[in-house]
Amino acid sequence: MTATVQLDHSNRIILSKDLRRAAGIPRRQKLKVSATPGRIVLEVQASSTGRVVKRGKLKVWTGAVPATPLAEAVEQTRHYQR
């Protein structure tokens, strides 16, 4: 999804609900910001520190599981567009 946003009178960027949903960003999520000349990049900040370890034939995540309600996760998946 591509959108054009405008800074408000306090020079803040407001991300619409549709934009947050397309990017998979929940409300009040902390974002990592990086800037280069002519470009600002917003990335979701990792909420947990975990690792993927191999146990037998499987790879298993050892960190905490996100507290996303099941209904919200299904709704996000239904509206996901490539």
C-alpha atoms as a PDB file:
ATOM      1  CA  MET A   1       0.000   0.000   0.000  1.00  0.00           C
ATOM      2  CA  THR A   2       1.275   3.438  -0.867  1.00  0.00           C
ATOM      3  CA  ALA A   3      -0.078   6.624   0.675  1.00  0.00           C
ATOM      4  CA  THR A   4       0.875  10.266   0.961  1.00  0.00           C
ATOM      5  CA  VAL A   5       0.659  11.773   4.431  1.00  0.00           C
ATOM      6  CA  GLN A   6       0.966  15.389   5.460  1.00  0.00           C
ATOM      7  CA  LEU A   7       2.629  16.734   8.583  1.00  0.00           C
ATOM      8  CA  ASP A   8       0.234  18.384  11.019  1.00  0.00           C
ATOM      9  CA  HIS A   9       0.776  21.856  12.495  1.00  0.00           C
ATOM     10  CA  SER A  10       3.187  20.392  15.094  1.00  0.00           C
ATOM     11  CA  ASN A  11       5.239  18.563  12.405  1.00  0.00           C
ATOM     12  CA  ARG A  12       3.912  15.139  13.437  1.00  0.00           C
ATOM     13  CA  ILE A  13       3.180  12.257  11.080  1.00  0.00           C
ATOM     14  CA  ILE A  14      -0.218  10.641  11.570  1.00  0.00           C
ATOM     15  CA  LEU A  15      -0.562   7.066  10.296  1.00  0.00           C
ATOM     16  CA  SER A  16      -4.140   6.186   9.362  1.00  0.00           C
ATOM     17  CA  LYS A  17      -5.827   2.998  10.538  1.00  0.00           C
ATOM     18  CA  ASP A  18      -5.678   1.557   6.997  1.00  0.00           C
ATOM     19  CA  LEU A  19      -1.943   2.233   6.754  1.00  0.00           C
ATOM     20  CA  ARG A  20      -1.266   0.683  10.178  1.00  0.00           C
ATOM     21  CA  ARG A  21      -3.381  -2.344   9.291  1.00  0.00           C
ATOM     22  CA  ALA A  22      -1.554  -2.847   5.967  1.00  0.00           C
ATOM     23  CA  ALA A  23       1.808  -2.688   7.750  1.00  0.00           C
ATOM     24  CA  GLY A  24       0.666  -4.818  10.690  1.00  0.00           C
ATOM     25  CA  ILE A  25       1.371  -2.090  13.237  1.00  0.00           C
ATOM     26  CA  PRO A  26      -0.872  -2.155  16.335  1.00  0.00           C
ATOM     27  CA  ARG A  27      -1.937   1.055  18.080  1.00  0.00           C
ATOM     28  CA  ARG A  28       0.653   2.738  20.320  1.00  0.00           C
ATOM     29  CA  GLN A  29       3.441   0.486  18.988  1.00  0.00           C
ATOM     30  CA  LYS A  30       6.959   1.881  19.320  1.00  0.00           C
ATOM     31  CA  LEU A  31       8.632   2.484  15.958  1.00  0.00           C
ATOM     32  CA  LYS A  32      12.318   2.663  15.099  1.00  0.00           C
ATOM     33  CA  VAL A  33      13.068   5.730  12.963  1.00  0.00           C
ATOM     34  CA  SER A  34      16.062   6.208  10.689  1.00  0.00           C
ATOM     35  CA  ALA A  35      16.759   9.152   8.424  1.00  0.00           C
ATOM     36  CA  THR A  36      18.943   9.711   5.385  1.00  0.00           C
ATOM     37  CA  PRO A  37      18.926  12.740   3.074  1.00  0.00           C
ATOM     38  CA  GLY A  38      15.439  12.929   1.545  1.00  0.00           C
ATOM     39  CA  ARG A  39      14.100   9.796   3.269  1.00  0.00           C
ATOM     40  CA  ILE A  40      12.629   8.828   6.648  1.00  0.00           C
ATOM     41  CA  VAL A  41      12.073   5.127   7.389  1.00  0.00           C
ATOM     42  CA  LEU A  42       9.739   3.866  10.129  1.00  0.00           C
ATOM     43  CA  GLU A  43      10.163   0.261  11.303  1.00  0.00           C
ATOM     44  CA  VAL A  44       8.395  -1.724  13.988  1.00  0.00           C
ATOM     45  CA  GLN A  45      10.651  -2.029  17.011  1.00  0.00           C
ATOM     46  CA  ALA A  46      11.187  -5.588  18.183  1.00  0.00           C
ATOM     47  CA  SER A  47       9.039  -6.153  21.253  1.00  0.00           C
ATOM     48  CA  SER A  48      10.843  -9.210  22.556  1.00  0.00           C
ATOM     49  CA  THR A  49      14.288 -10.665  22.550  1.00  0.00           C
ATOM     50  CA  GLY A  50      14.222 -14.273  21.567  1.00  0.00           C
ATOM     51  CA  ARG A  51      16.033 -16.716  19.369  1.00  0.00           C
ATOM     52  CA  VAL A  52      15.193 -19.421  16.885  1.00  0.00           C
ATOM     53  CA  VAL A  53      16.851 -22.654  18.006  1.00  0.00           C
ATOM     54  CA  LYS A  54      16.896 -26.047  16.364  1.00  0.00           C
ATOM     55  CA  ARG A  55      15.289 -28.858  18.363  1.00  0.00           C
ATOM     56  CA  GLY A  56      15.477 -32.101  16.465  1.00  0.00           C
ATOM     57  CA  LYS A  57      14.092 -31.466  12.978  1.00  0.00           C
ATOM     58  CA  LEU A  58      12.193 -28.334  14.021  1.00  0.00           C
ATOM     59  CA  LYS A  59      13.189 -24.715  14.499  1.00  0.00           C
ATOM     60  CA  VAL A  60      11.527 -23.226  17.590  1.00  0.00           C
ATOM     61  CA  TRP A  61      11.107 -19.602  18.730  1.00  0.00           C
ATOM     62  CA  THR A  62      12.266 -19.225  22.348  1.00  0.00           C
ATOM     63  CA  GLY A  63      10.996 -15.684  22.988  1.00  0.00           C
ATOM     64  CA  ALA A  64       7.642 -14.505  24.261  1.00  0.00           C
ATOM     65  CA  VAL A  65       4.590 -14.888  22.043  1.00  0.00           C
ATOM     66  CA  PRO A  66       2.952 -11.556  21.071  1.00  0.00           C
ATOM     67  CA  ALA A  67      -0.246 -10.814  22.959  1.00  0.00           C
ATOM     68  CA  THR A  68      -2.337 -10.310  19.811  1.00  0.00           C
ATOM     69  CA  PRO A  69      -5.918 -11.459  20.334  1.00  0.00           C
ATOM     70  CA  LEU A  70      -6.903 -14.279  17.977  1.00  0.00           C
ATOM     71  CA  ALA A  71      -9.856 -12.380  16.468  1.00  0.00           C
ATOM     72  CA  GLU A  72      -7.624  -9.392  15.664  1.00  0.00           C
ATOM     73  CA  ALA A  73      -4.968 -11.623  14.070  1.00  0.00           C
ATOM     74  CA  VAL A  74      -7.603 -13.291  11.860  1.00  0.00           C
ATOM     75  CA  GLU A  75      -9.020  -9.896  10.852  1.00  0.00           C
ATOM     76  CA  GLN A  76      -5.531  -8.607   9.941  1.00  0.00           C
ATOM     77  CA  THR A  77      -4.918 -11.689   7.826  1.00  0.00           C
ATOM     78  CA  ARG A  78      -8.267 -11.325   6.045  1.00  0.00           C
ATOM     79  CA  HIS A  79      -7.517  -7.721   5.025  1.00  0.00           C
ATOM     80  CA  TYR A  80      -3.871  -8.278   4.077  1.00  0.00           C
ATOM     81  CA  GLN A  81      -3.073  -7.266   0.484  1.00  0.00           C
ATOM     82  CA  ARG A  82       0.132  -7.908  -1.423  1.00  0.00           C
END
